[in-house]
Amino acid sequence: MQRIFTASGIGEARLVQQMLEAAGVRAQIFNDHASGALGELPATETWPEVWIERESQSALARALISGYESAPDEAVSCRGCGESNPVTFEICWHCRQPLPDRT
């Protein structure tokens, strides 16, 4: 196993894990409950980490993560409720309606 990403929070760690697994890279999250030790441990030691199971997939995983990190902070409006959503979302976070196709 190899650590491939350190996330700022559990939500980001799960997002990266799901992105990797959708591409066929098996991944696990560690430190997902470590935030309870904040204060006893340095903050950076409690951040969630994404690890991949096969080191042979590290180049693919790093390329996917690089694309994720460099994605623009664009937004798309939901046709159902008008709420602003990140361009990477497929459904509205607010009303769960499918978002317009961005292609």
PDB file of N, CA and C in Angstrom:
ATOM      1  N   MET A   1       0.840  -1.186   0.000  1.00  0.00           N
ATOM      2  CA  MET A   1       0.000   0.000   0.000  1.00  0.00           C
ATOM      3  C   MET A   1       0.879   1.241   0.000  1.00  0.00           C
ATOM      4  N   GLN A   2       0.320   2.305  -0.564  1.00  0.00           N
ATOM      5  CA  GLN A   2       1.081   3.539  -0.680  1.00  0.00           C
ATOM      6  C   GLN A   2       0.159   4.735  -0.434  1.00  0.00           C
ATOM      7  N   ARG A   3       0.617   5.658   0.420  1.00  0.00           N
ATOM      8  CA  ARG A   3      -0.145   6.890   0.630  1.00  0.00           C
ATOM      9  C   ARG A   3      -0.024   7.724  -0.637  1.00  0.00           C
ATOM     10  N   ILE A   4      -1.173   8.175  -1.136  1.00  0.00           N
ATOM     11  CA  ILE A   4      -1.196   8.901  -2.395  1.00  0.00           C
ATOM     12  C   ILE A   4      -1.735  10.319  -2.225  1.00  0.00           C
ATOM     13  N   PHE A   5      -2.469  10.583  -1.125  1.00  0.00           N
ATOM     14  CA  PHE A   5      -3.100  11.889  -0.955  1.00  0.00           C
ATOM     15  C   PHE A   5      -3.408  12.136   0.513  1.00  0.00           C
ATOM     16  N   THR A   6      -3.159  13.363   0.951  1.00  0.00           N
ATOM     17  CA  THR A   6      -3.556  13.802   2.284  1.00  0.00           C
ATOM     18  C   THR A   6      -4.616  14.866   2.105  1.00  0.00           C
ATOM     19  N   ALA A   7      -5.785  14.639   2.657  1.00  0.00           N
ATOM     20  CA  ALA A   7      -6.931  15.522   2.460  1.00  0.00           C
ATOM     21  C   ALA A   7      -7.065  16.528   3.593  1.00  0.00           C
ATOM     22  N   SER A   8      -7.780  17.595   3.306  1.00  0.00           N
ATOM     23  CA  SER A   8      -8.022  18.617   4.330  1.00  0.00           C
ATOM     24  C   SER A   8      -9.169  18.216   5.245  1.00  0.00           C
ATOM     25  N   GLY A   9      -9.972  17.261   4.829  1.00  0.00           N
ATOM     26  CA  GLY A   9     -11.088  16.796   5.637  1.00  0.00           C
ATOM     27  C   GLY A   9     -11.607  15.476   5.094  1.00  0.00           C
ATOM     28  N   ILE A  10     -12.511  14.854   5.840  1.00  0.00           N
ATOM     29  CA  ILE A  10     -13.008  13.537   5.458  1.00  0.00           C
ATOM     30  C   ILE A  10     -13.816  13.594   4.167  1.00  0.00           C
ATOM     31  N   GLY A  11     -14.524  14.688   3.922  1.00  0.00           N
ATOM     32  CA  GLY A  11     -15.294  14.821   2.691  1.00  0.00           C
ATOM     33  C   GLY A  11     -14.408  14.787   1.459  1.00  0.00           C
ATOM     34  N   GLU A  12     -13.313  15.522   1.517  1.00  0.00           N
ATOM     35  CA  GLU A  12     -12.380  15.533   0.392  1.00  0.00           C
ATOM     36  C   GLU A  12     -11.724  14.164   0.222  1.00  0.00           C
ATOM     37  N   ALA A  13     -11.402  13.503   1.320  1.00  0.00           N
ATOM     38  CA  ALA A  13     -10.790  12.170   1.246  1.00  0.00           C
ATOM     39  C   ALA A  13     -11.743  11.187   0.571  1.00  0.00           C
ATOM     40  N   ARG A  14     -13.015  11.230   0.925  1.00  0.00           N
ATOM     41  CA  ARG A  14     -13.996  10.323   0.308  1.00  0.00           C
ATOM     42  C   ARG A  14     -14.186  10.649  -1.179  1.00  0.00           C
ATOM     43  N   LEU A  15     -14.171  11.929  -1.519  1.00  0.00           N
ATOM     44  CA  LEU A  15     -14.292  12.330  -2.915  1.00  0.00           C
ATOM     45  C   LEU A  15     -13.135  11.763  -3.738  1.00  0.00           C
ATOM     46  N   VAL A  16     -11.921  11.904  -3.232  1.00  0.00           N
ATOM     47  CA  VAL A  16     -10.742  11.389  -3.939  1.00  0.00           C
ATOM     48  C   VAL A  16     -10.785   9.865  -4.009  1.00  0.00           C
ATOM     49  N   GLN A  17     -11.172   9.222  -2.925  1.00  0.00           N
ATOM     50  CA  GLN A  17     -11.275   7.762  -2.927  1.00  0.00           C
ATOM     51  C   GLN A  17     -12.268   7.299  -3.998  1.00  0.00           C
ATOM     52  N   GLN A  18     -13.427   7.935  -4.065  1.00  0.00           N
ATOM     53  CA  GLN A  18     -14.437   7.545  -5.049  1.00  0.00           C
ATOM     54  C   GLN A  18     -13.962   7.806  -6.472  1.00  0.00           C
ATOM     55  N   MET A  19     -13.258   8.915  -6.682  1.00  0.00           N
ATOM     56  CA  MET A  19     -12.732   9.240  -7.999  1.00  0.00           C
ATOM     57  C   MET A  19     -11.736   8.165  -8.442  1.00  0.00           C
ATOM     58  N   LEU A  20     -10.843   7.775  -7.527  1.00  0.00           N
ATOM     59  CA  LEU A  20      -9.857   6.745  -7.850  1.00  0.00           C
ATOM     60  C   LEU A  20     -10.529   5.409  -8.142  1.00  0.00           C
ATOM     61  N   GLU A  21     -11.476   5.029  -7.308  1.00  0.00           N
ATOM     62  CA  GLU A  21     -12.136   3.733  -7.489  1.00  0.00           C
ATOM     63  C   GLU A  21     -12.962   3.698  -8.767  1.00  0.00           C
ATOM     64  N   ALA A  22     -13.518   4.836  -9.172  1.00  0.00           N
ATOM     65  CA  ALA A  22     -14.254   4.893 -10.438  1.00  0.00           C
ATOM     66  C   ALA A  22     -13.324   4.636 -11.618  1.00  0.00           C
ATOM     67  N   ALA A  23     -12.035   4.930 -11.443  1.00  0.00           N
ATOM     68  CA  ALA A  23     -11.032   4.691 -12.488  1.00  0.00           C
ATOM     69  C   ALA A  23     -10.361   3.330 -12.332  1.00  0.00           C
ATOM     70  N   GLY A  24     -10.825   2.522 -11.396  1.00  0.00           N
ATOM     71  CA  GLY A  24     -10.270   1.185 -11.220  1.00  0.00           C
ATOM     72  C   GLY A  24      -9.097   1.092 -10.262  1.00  0.00           C
ATOM     73  N   VAL A  25      -8.855   2.152  -9.504  1.00  0.00           N
ATOM     74  CA  VAL A  25      -7.749   2.155  -8.534  1.00  0.00           C
ATOM     75  C   VAL A  25      -8.347   1.948  -7.150  1.00  0.00           C
ATOM     76  N   ARG A  26      -8.086   0.786  -6.560  1.00  0.00           N
ATOM     77  CA  ARG A  26      -8.623   0.497  -5.219  1.00  0.00           C
ATOM     78  C   ARG A  26      -7.908   1.357  -4.189  1.00  0.00           C
ATOM     79  N   ALA A  27      -8.704   2.020  -3.355  1.00  0.00           N
ATOM     80  CA  ALA A  27      -8.146   2.957  -2.379  1.00  0.00           C
ATOM     81  C   ALA A  27      -8.844   2.812  -1.034  1.00  0.00           C
ATOM     82  N   GLN A  28      -8.109   3.162   0.012  1.00  0.00           N
ATOM     83  CA  GLN A  28      -8.647   3.141   1.374  1.00  0.00           C
ATOM     84  C   GLN A  28      -8.318   4.458   2.052  1.00  0.00           C
ATOM     85  N   ILE A  29      -9.150   4.811   3.017  1.00  0.00           N
ATOM     86  CA  ILE A  29      -8.924   6.030   3.795  1.00  0.00           C
ATOM     87  C   ILE A  29      -8.433   5.639   5.180  1.00  0.00           C
ATOM     88  N   PHE A  30      -7.377   6.308   5.601  1.00  0.00           N
ATOM     89  CA  PHE A  30      -6.859   6.140   6.955  1.00  0.00           C
ATOM     90  C   PHE A  30      -6.967   7.476   7.678  1.00  0.00           C
ATOM     91  N   ASN A  31      -6.977   7.439   8.977  1.00  0.00           N
ATOM     92  CA  ASN A  31      -7.134   8.622   9.840  1.00  0.00           C
ATOM     93  C   ASN A  31      -8.528   9.228   9.721  1.00  0.00           C
ATOM     94  N   ASP A  32      -9.508   8.453   9.270  1.00  0.00           N
ATOM     95  CA  ASP A  32     -10.834   9.020   9.092  1.00  0.00           C
ATOM     96  C   ASP A  32     -11.513   9.381  10.411  1.00  0.00           C
ATOM     97  N   HIS A  33     -11.051   8.847  11.514  1.00  0.00           N
ATOM     98  CA  HIS A  33     -11.618   9.195  12.819  1.00  0.00           C
ATOM     99  C   HIS A  33     -10.581   9.857  13.727  1.00  0.00           C
ATOM    100  N   ALA A  34      -9.459  10.246  13.161  1.00  0.00           N
ATOM    101  CA  ALA A  34      -8.370  10.795  13.968  1.00  0.00           C
ATOM    102  C   ALA A  34      -8.620  12.215  14.439  1.00  0.00           C
ATOM    103  N   SER A  35      -9.607  12.899  13.878  1.00  0.00           N
ATOM    104  CA  SER A  35      -9.846  14.284  14.292  1.00  0.00           C
ATOM    105  C   SER A  35     -10.226  14.371  15.768  1.00  0.00           C
ATOM    106  N   GLY A  36     -10.693  13.291  16.357  1.00  0.00           N
ATOM    107  CA  GLY A  36     -11.004  13.262  17.787  1.00  0.00           C
ATOM    108  C   GLY A  36      -9.764  13.412  18.652  1.00  0.00           C
ATOM    109  N   ALA A  37      -8.600  13.157  18.083  1.00  0.00           N
ATOM    110  CA  ALA A  37      -7.350  13.281  18.830  1.00  0.00           C
ATOM    111  C   ALA A  37      -6.719  14.660  18.664  1.00  0.00           C
ATOM    112  N   LEU A  38      -7.394  15.546  17.949  1.00  0.00           N
ATOM    113  CA  LEU A  38      -6.875  16.895  17.735  1.00  0.00           C
ATOM    114  C   LEU A  38      -6.688  17.577  19.084  1.00  0.00           C
ATOM    115  N   GLY A  39      -5.535  18.100  19.293  1.00  0.00           N
ATOM    116  CA  GLY A  39      -5.167  18.678  20.579  1.00  0.00           C
ATOM    117  C   GLY A  39      -4.138  17.806  21.272  1.00  0.00           C
ATOM    118  N   GLU A  40      -4.328  16.505  21.170  1.00  0.00           N
ATOM    119  CA  GLU A  40      -3.360  15.556  21.697  1.00  0.00           C
ATOM    120  C   GLU A  40      -2.269  15.294  20.661  1.00  0.00           C
ATOM    121  N   LEU A  41      -2.666  15.398  19.392  1.00  0.00           N
ATOM    122  CA  LEU A  41      -1.739  15.209  18.272  1.00  0.00           C
ATOM    123  C   LEU A  41      -1.703  16.495  17.454  1.00  0.00           C
ATOM    124  N   PRO A  42      -0.615  16.755  16.749  1.00  0.00           N
ATOM    125  CA  PRO A  42      -0.580  17.911  15.849  1.00  0.00           C
ATOM    126  C   PRO A  42      -1.677  17.789  14.787  1.00  0.00           C
ATOM    127  N   ALA A  43      -2.216  18.911  14.342  1.00  0.00           N
ATOM    128  CA  ALA A  43      -3.320  18.913  13.374  1.00  0.00           C
ATOM    129  C   ALA A  43      -2.978  18.122  12.119  1.00  0.00           C
ATOM    130  N   THR A  44      -1.758  18.262  11.628  1.00  0.00           N
ATOM    131  CA  THR A  44      -1.390  17.572  10.391  1.00  0.00           C
ATOM    132  C   THR A  44      -1.363  16.055  10.540  1.00  0.00           C
ATOM    133  N   GLU A  45      -1.239  15.570  11.759  1.00  0.00           N
ATOM    134  CA  GLU A  45      -1.226  14.125  11.990  1.00  0.00           C
ATOM    135  C   GLU A  45      -2.638  13.543  12.007  1.00  0.00           C
ATOM    136  N   THR A  46      -3.654  14.399  12.044  1.00  0.00           N
ATOM    137  CA  THR A  46      -5.035  13.921  12.099  1.00  0.00           C
ATOM    138  C   THR A  46      -5.764  14.058  10.768  1.00  0.00           C
ATOM    139  N   TRP A  47      -5.089  14.599   9.751  1.00  0.00           N
ATOM    140  CA  TRP A  47      -5.733  14.748   8.448  1.00  0.00           C
ATOM    141  C   TRP A  47      -5.966  13.375   7.812  1.00  0.00           C
ATOM    142  N   PRO A  48      -7.110  13.188   7.162  1.00  0.00           N
ATOM    143  CA  PRO A  48      -7.378  11.917   6.495  1.00  0.00           C
ATOM    144  C   PRO A  48      -6.404  11.686   5.339  1.00  0.00           C
ATOM    145  N   GLU A  49      -6.018  10.440   5.164  1.00  0.00           N
ATOM    146  CA  GLU A  49      -5.088  10.065   4.092  1.00  0.00           C
ATOM    147  C   GLU A  49      -5.747   9.030   3.186  1.00  0.00           C
ATOM    148  N   VAL A  50      -5.483   9.146   1.898  1.00  0.00           N
ATOM    149  CA  VAL A  50      -5.954   8.161   0.922  1.00  0.00           C
ATOM    150  C   VAL A  50      -4.756   7.329   0.497  1.00  0.00           C
ATOM    151  N   TRP A  51      -4.892   6.041   0.641  1.00  0.00           N
ATOM    152  CA  TRP A  51      -3.839   5.093   0.272  1.00  0.00           C
ATOM    153  C   TRP A  51      -4.359   4.202  -0.845  1.00  0.00           C
ATOM    154  N   ILE A  52      -3.492   3.855  -1.783  1.00  0.00           N
ATOM    155  CA  ILE A  52      -3.865   2.923  -2.838  1.00  0.00           C
ATOM    156  C   ILE A  52      -3.287   1.551  -2.519  1.00  0.00           C
ATOM    157  N   GLU A  53      -3.989   0.527  -2.964  1.00  0.00           N
ATOM    158  CA  GLU A  53      -3.571  -0.838  -2.648  1.00  0.00           C
ATOM    159  C   GLU A  53      -2.424  -1.327  -3.519  1.00  0.00           C
ATOM    160  N   ARG A  54      -2.388  -0.900  -4.785  1.00  0.00           N
ATOM    161  CA  ARG A  54      -1.351  -1.370  -5.701  1.00  0.00           C
ATOM    162  C   ARG A  54      -0.433  -0.222  -6.083  1.00  0.00           C
ATOM    163  N   GLU A  55       0.809  -0.331  -5.683  1.00  0.00           N
ATOM    164  CA  GLU A  55       1.774   0.712  -6.017  1.00  0.00           C
ATOM    165  C   GLU A  55       1.972   0.847  -7.522  1.00  0.00           C
ATOM    166  N   SER A  56       1.681  -0.200  -8.272  1.00  0.00           N
ATOM    167  CA  SER A  56       1.817  -0.147  -9.733  1.00  0.00           C
ATOM    168  C   SER A  56       0.812   0.827 -10.350  1.00  0.00           C
ATOM    169  N   GLN A  57      -0.200   1.237  -9.597  1.00  0.00           N
ATOM    170  CA  GLN A  57      -1.196   2.183 -10.084  1.00  0.00           C
ATOM    171  C   GLN A  57      -0.933   3.615  -9.609  1.00  0.00           C
ATOM    172  N   SER A  58       0.233   3.841  -9.013  1.00  0.00           N
ATOM    173  CA  SER A  58       0.505   5.167  -8.444  1.00  0.00           C
ATOM    174  C   SER A  58       0.574   6.257  -9.508  1.00  0.00           C
ATOM    175  N   ALA A  59       1.113   5.967 -10.695  1.00  0.00           N
ATOM    176  CA  ALA A  59       1.183   6.994 -11.751  1.00  0.00           C
ATOM    177  C   ALA A  59      -0.221   7.412 -12.182  1.00  0.00           C
ATOM    178  N   LEU A  60      -1.101   6.448 -12.370  1.00  0.00           N
ATOM    179  CA  LEU A  60      -2.484   6.746 -12.733  1.00  0.00           C
ATOM    180  C   LEU A  60      -3.169   7.541 -11.626  1.00  0.00           C
ATOM    181  N   ALA A  61      -2.991   7.094 -10.386  1.00  0.00           N
ATOM    182  CA  ALA A  61      -3.611   7.772  -9.253  1.00  0.00           C
ATOM    183  C   ALA A  61      -3.122   9.211  -9.129  1.00  0.00           C
ATOM    184  N   ARG A  62      -1.833   9.425  -9.278  1.00  0.00           N
ATOM    185  CA  ARG A  62      -1.275  10.788  -9.198  1.00  0.00           C
ATOM    186  C   ARG A  62      -1.796  11.668 -10.332  1.00  0.00           C
ATOM    187  N   ALA A  63      -1.956  11.106 -11.522  1.00  0.00           N
ATOM    188  CA  ALA A  63      -2.491  11.880 -12.649  1.00  0.00           C
ATOM    189  C   ALA A  63      -3.941  12.281 -12.380  1.00  0.00           C
ATOM    190  N   LEU A  64      -4.734  11.366 -11.850  1.00  0.00           N
ATOM    191  CA  LEU A  64      -6.122  11.676 -11.524  1.00  0.00           C
ATOM    192  C   LEU A  64      -6.207  12.752 -10.450  1.00  0.00           C
ATOM    193  N   ILE A  65      -5.374  12.631  -9.430  1.00  0.00           N
ATOM    194  CA  ILE A  65      -5.379  13.606  -8.342  1.00  0.00           C
ATOM    195  C   ILE A  65      -4.899  14.959  -8.831  1.00  0.00           C
ATOM    196  N   SER A  66      -3.910  14.966  -9.707  1.00  0.00           N
ATOM    197  CA  SER A  66      -3.422  16.212 -10.269  1.00  0.00           C
ATOM    198  C   SER A  66      -4.532  16.924 -11.040  1.00  0.00           C
ATOM    199  N   GLY A  67      -5.300  16.164 -11.803  1.00  0.00           N
ATOM    200  CA  GLY A  67      -6.435  16.735 -12.523  1.00  0.00           C
ATOM    201  C   GLY A  67      -7.485  17.284 -11.580  1.00  0.00           C
ATOM    202  N   TYR A  68      -7.736  16.561 -10.500  1.00  0.00           N
ATOM    203  CA  TYR A  68      -8.691  17.016  -9.483  1.00  0.00           C
ATOM    204  C   TYR A  68      -8.224  18.317  -8.846  1.00  0.00           C
ATOM    205  N   GLU A  69      -6.953  18.389  -8.489  1.00  0.00           N
ATOM    206  CA  GLU A  69      -6.423  19.568  -7.807  1.00  0.00           C
ATOM    207  C   GLU A  69      -6.352  20.791  -8.725  1.00  0.00           C
ATOM    208  N   SER A  70      -6.206  20.576 -10.018  1.00  0.00           N
ATOM    209  CA  SER A  70      -6.084  21.712 -10.937  1.00  0.00           C
ATOM    210  C   SER A  70      -7.406  22.074 -11.607  1.00  0.00           C
ATOM    211  N   ALA A  71      -8.488  21.377 -11.245  1.00  0.00           N
ATOM    212  CA  ALA A  71      -9.797  21.685 -11.836  1.00  0.00           C
ATOM    213  C   ALA A  71     -10.218  23.104 -11.462  1.00  0.00           C
ATOM    214  N   PRO A  72     -10.774  23.824 -12.413  1.00  0.00           N
ATOM    215  CA  PRO A  72     -11.201  25.196 -12.120  1.00  0.00           C
ATOM    216  C   PRO A  72     -12.362  25.204 -11.127  1.00  0.00           C
ATOM    217  N   ASP A  73     -12.477  26.280 -10.408  1.00  0.00           N
ATOM    218  CA  ASP A  73     -13.551  26.430  -9.428  1.00  0.00           C
ATOM    219  C   ASP A  73     -14.800  27.006 -10.087  1.00  0.00           C
ATOM    220  N   GLU A  74     -15.178  26.427 -11.208  1.00  0.00           N
ATOM    221  CA  GLU A  74     -16.354  26.873 -11.920  1.00  0.00           C
ATOM    222  C   GLU A  74     -17.607  26.341 -11.234  1.00  0.00           C
ATOM    223  N   ALA A  75     -18.719  26.983 -11.510  1.00  0.00           N
ATOM    224  CA  ALA A  75     -19.985  26.560 -10.924  1.00  0.00           C
ATOM    225  C   ALA A  75     -21.029  26.427 -12.021  1.00  0.00           C
ATOM    226  N   VAL A  76     -22.042  25.622 -11.747  1.00  0.00           N
ATOM    227  CA  VAL A  76     -23.180  25.451 -12.640  1.00  0.00           C
ATOM    228  C   VAL A  76     -24.441  25.613 -11.798  1.00  0.00           C
ATOM    229  N   SER A  77     -25.439  26.276 -12.357  1.00  0.00           N
ATOM    230  CA  SER A  77     -26.699  26.491 -11.638  1.00  0.00           C
ATOM    231  C   SER A  77     -27.667  25.355 -11.917  1.00  0.00           C
ATOM    232  N   CYS A  78     -28.357  24.940 -10.886  1.00  0.00           N
ATOM    233  CA  CYS A  78     -29.368  23.889 -10.993  1.00  0.00           C
ATOM    234  C   CYS A  78     -30.608  24.463 -11.683  1.00  0.00           C
ATOM    235  N   ARG A  79     -31.148  23.724 -12.641  1.00  0.00           N
ATOM    236  CA  ARG A  79     -32.367  24.157 -13.329  1.00  0.00           C
ATOM    237  C   ARG A  79     -33.585  24.042 -12.418  1.00  0.00           C
ATOM    238  N   GLY A  80     -33.510  23.141 -11.443  1.00  0.00           N
ATOM    239  CA  GLY A  80     -34.656  22.924 -10.562  1.00  0.00           C
ATOM    240  C   GLY A  80     -34.810  23.974  -9.480  1.00  0.00           C
ATOM    241  N   CYS A  81     -33.707  24.264  -8.775  1.00  0.00           N
ATOM    242  CA  CYS A  81     -33.800  25.183  -7.633  1.00  0.00           C
ATOM    243  C   CYS A  81     -32.938  26.434  -7.783  1.00  0.00           C
ATOM    244  N   GLY A  82     -32.076  26.469  -8.811  1.00  0.00           N
ATOM    245  CA  GLY A  82     -31.232  27.637  -9.026  1.00  0.00           C
ATOM    246  C   GLY A  82     -29.978  27.683  -8.168  1.00  0.00           C
ATOM    247  N   GLU A  83     -29.760  26.665  -7.358  1.00  0.00           N
ATOM    248  CA  GLU A  83     -28.598  26.641  -6.464  1.00  0.00           C
ATOM    249  C   GLU A  83     -27.310  26.466  -7.262  1.00  0.00           C
ATOM    250  N   SER A  84     -26.246  27.103  -6.815  1.00  0.00           N
ATOM    251  CA  SER A  84     -24.940  26.990  -7.445  1.00  0.00           C
ATOM    252  C   SER A  84     -24.244  25.716  -6.969  1.00  0.00           C
ATOM    253  N   ASN A  85     -23.686  24.962  -7.915  1.00  0.00           N
ATOM    254  CA  ASN A  85     -22.994  23.705  -7.629  1.00  0.00           C
ATOM    255  C   ASN A  85     -21.638  23.704  -8.316  1.00  0.00           C
ATOM    256  N   PRO A  86     -20.633  23.051  -7.726  1.00  0.00           N
ATOM    257  CA  PRO A  86     -19.351  22.905  -8.425  1.00  0.00           C
ATOM    258  C   PRO A  86     -19.562  22.192  -9.755  1.00  0.00           C
ATOM    259  N   VAL A  87     -18.782  22.561 -10.743  1.00  0.00           N
ATOM    260  CA  VAL A  87     -18.927  22.005 -12.085  1.00  0.00           C
ATOM    261  C   VAL A  87     -18.676  20.495 -12.108  1.00  0.00           C
ATOM    262  N   THR A  88     -17.999  19.973 -11.112  1.00  0.00           N
ATOM    263  CA  THR A  88     -17.706  18.543 -11.059  1.00  0.00           C
ATOM    264  C   THR A  88     -18.881  17.709 -10.539  1.00  0.00           C
ATOM    265  N   PHE A  89     -19.925  18.358 -10.015  1.00  0.00           N
ATOM    266  CA  PHE A  89     -21.086  17.628  -9.499  1.00  0.00           C
ATOM    267  C   PHE A  89     -21.982  17.190 -10.655  1.00  0.00           C
ATOM    268  N   GLU A  90     -22.611  16.031 -10.500  1.00  0.00           N
ATOM    269  CA  GLU A  90     -23.566  15.550 -11.487  1.00  0.00           C
ATOM    270  C   GLU A  90     -24.997  15.795 -11.051  1.00  0.00           C
ATOM    271  N   ILE A  91     -25.223  15.872  -9.728  1.00  0.00           N
ATOM    272  CA  ILE A  91     -26.545  16.179  -9.204  1.00  0.00           C
ATOM    273  C   ILE A  91     -26.433  17.354  -8.244  1.00  0.00           C
ATOM    274  N   CYS A  92     -27.511  18.086  -8.094  1.00  0.00           N
ATOM    275  CA  CYS A  92     -27.526  19.255  -7.215  1.00  0.00           C
ATOM    276  C   CYS A  92     -27.399  18.832  -5.758  1.00  0.00           C
ATOM    277  N   TRP A  93     -26.513  19.486  -5.033  1.00  0.00           N
ATOM    278  CA  TRP A  93     -26.327  19.160  -3.623  1.00  0.00           C
ATOM    279  C   TRP A  93     -27.562  19.548  -2.814  1.00  0.00           C
ATOM    280  N   HIS A  94     -28.346  20.493  -3.306  1.00  0.00           N
ATOM    281  CA  HIS A  94     -29.481  21.015  -2.547  1.00  0.00           C
ATOM    282  C   HIS A  94     -30.772  20.230  -2.788  1.00  0.00           C
ATOM    283  N   CYS A  95     -31.119  20.010  -4.086  1.00  0.00           N
ATOM    284  CA  CYS A  95     -32.404  19.359  -4.385  1.00  0.00           C
ATOM    285  C   CYS A  95     -32.264  17.984  -5.040  1.00  0.00           C
ATOM    286  N   ARG A  96     -31.038  17.572  -5.313  1.00  0.00           N
ATOM    287  CA  ARG A  96     -30.727  16.254  -5.875  1.00  0.00           C
ATOM    288  C   ARG A  96     -31.226  16.045  -7.304  1.00  0.00           C
ATOM    289  N   GLN A  97     -31.500  17.125  -8.015  1.00  0.00           N
ATOM    290  CA  GLN A  97     -31.884  17.034  -9.424  1.00  0.00           C
ATOM    291  C   GLN A  97     -30.623  16.910 -10.277  1.00  0.00           C
ATOM    292  N   PRO A  98     -30.695  16.193 -11.412  1.00  0.00           N
ATOM    293  CA  PRO A  98     -29.534  16.131 -12.312  1.00  0.00           C
ATOM    294  C   PRO A  98     -29.171  17.529 -12.800  1.00  0.00           C
ATOM    295  N   LEU A  99     -27.896  17.808 -12.878  1.00  0.00           N
ATOM    296  CA  LEU A  99     -27.420  19.103 -13.344  1.00  0.00           C
ATOM    297  C   LEU A  99     -27.274  19.094 -14.860  1.00  0.00           C
ATOM    298  N   PRO A 100     -27.312  20.271 -15.487  1.00  0.00           N
ATOM    299  CA  PRO A 100     -27.158  20.334 -16.947  1.00  0.00           C
ATOM    300  C   PRO A 100     -25.809  19.752 -17.373  1.00  0.00           C
ATOM    301  N   ASP A 101     -25.810  19.120 -18.540  1.00  0.00           N
ATOM    302  CA  ASP A 101     -24.568  18.571 -19.104  1.00  0.00           C
ATOM    303  C   ASP A 101     -23.632  19.714 -19.452  1.00  0.00           C
ATOM    304  N   ARG A 102     -22.344  19.580 -19.069  1.00  0.00           N
ATOM    305  CA  ARG A 102     -21.378  20.650 -19.255  1.00  0.00           C
ATOM    306  C   ARG A 102     -20.473  20.432 -20.450  1.00  0.00           C
ATOM    307  N   THR A 103     -20.837  19.556 -21.354  1.00  0.00           N
ATOM    308  CA  THR A 103     -19.997  19.294 -22.522  1.00  0.00           C
ATOM    309  C   THR A 103     -20.360  20.163 -23.688  1.00  0.00           C
TER     310      THR A 103
END
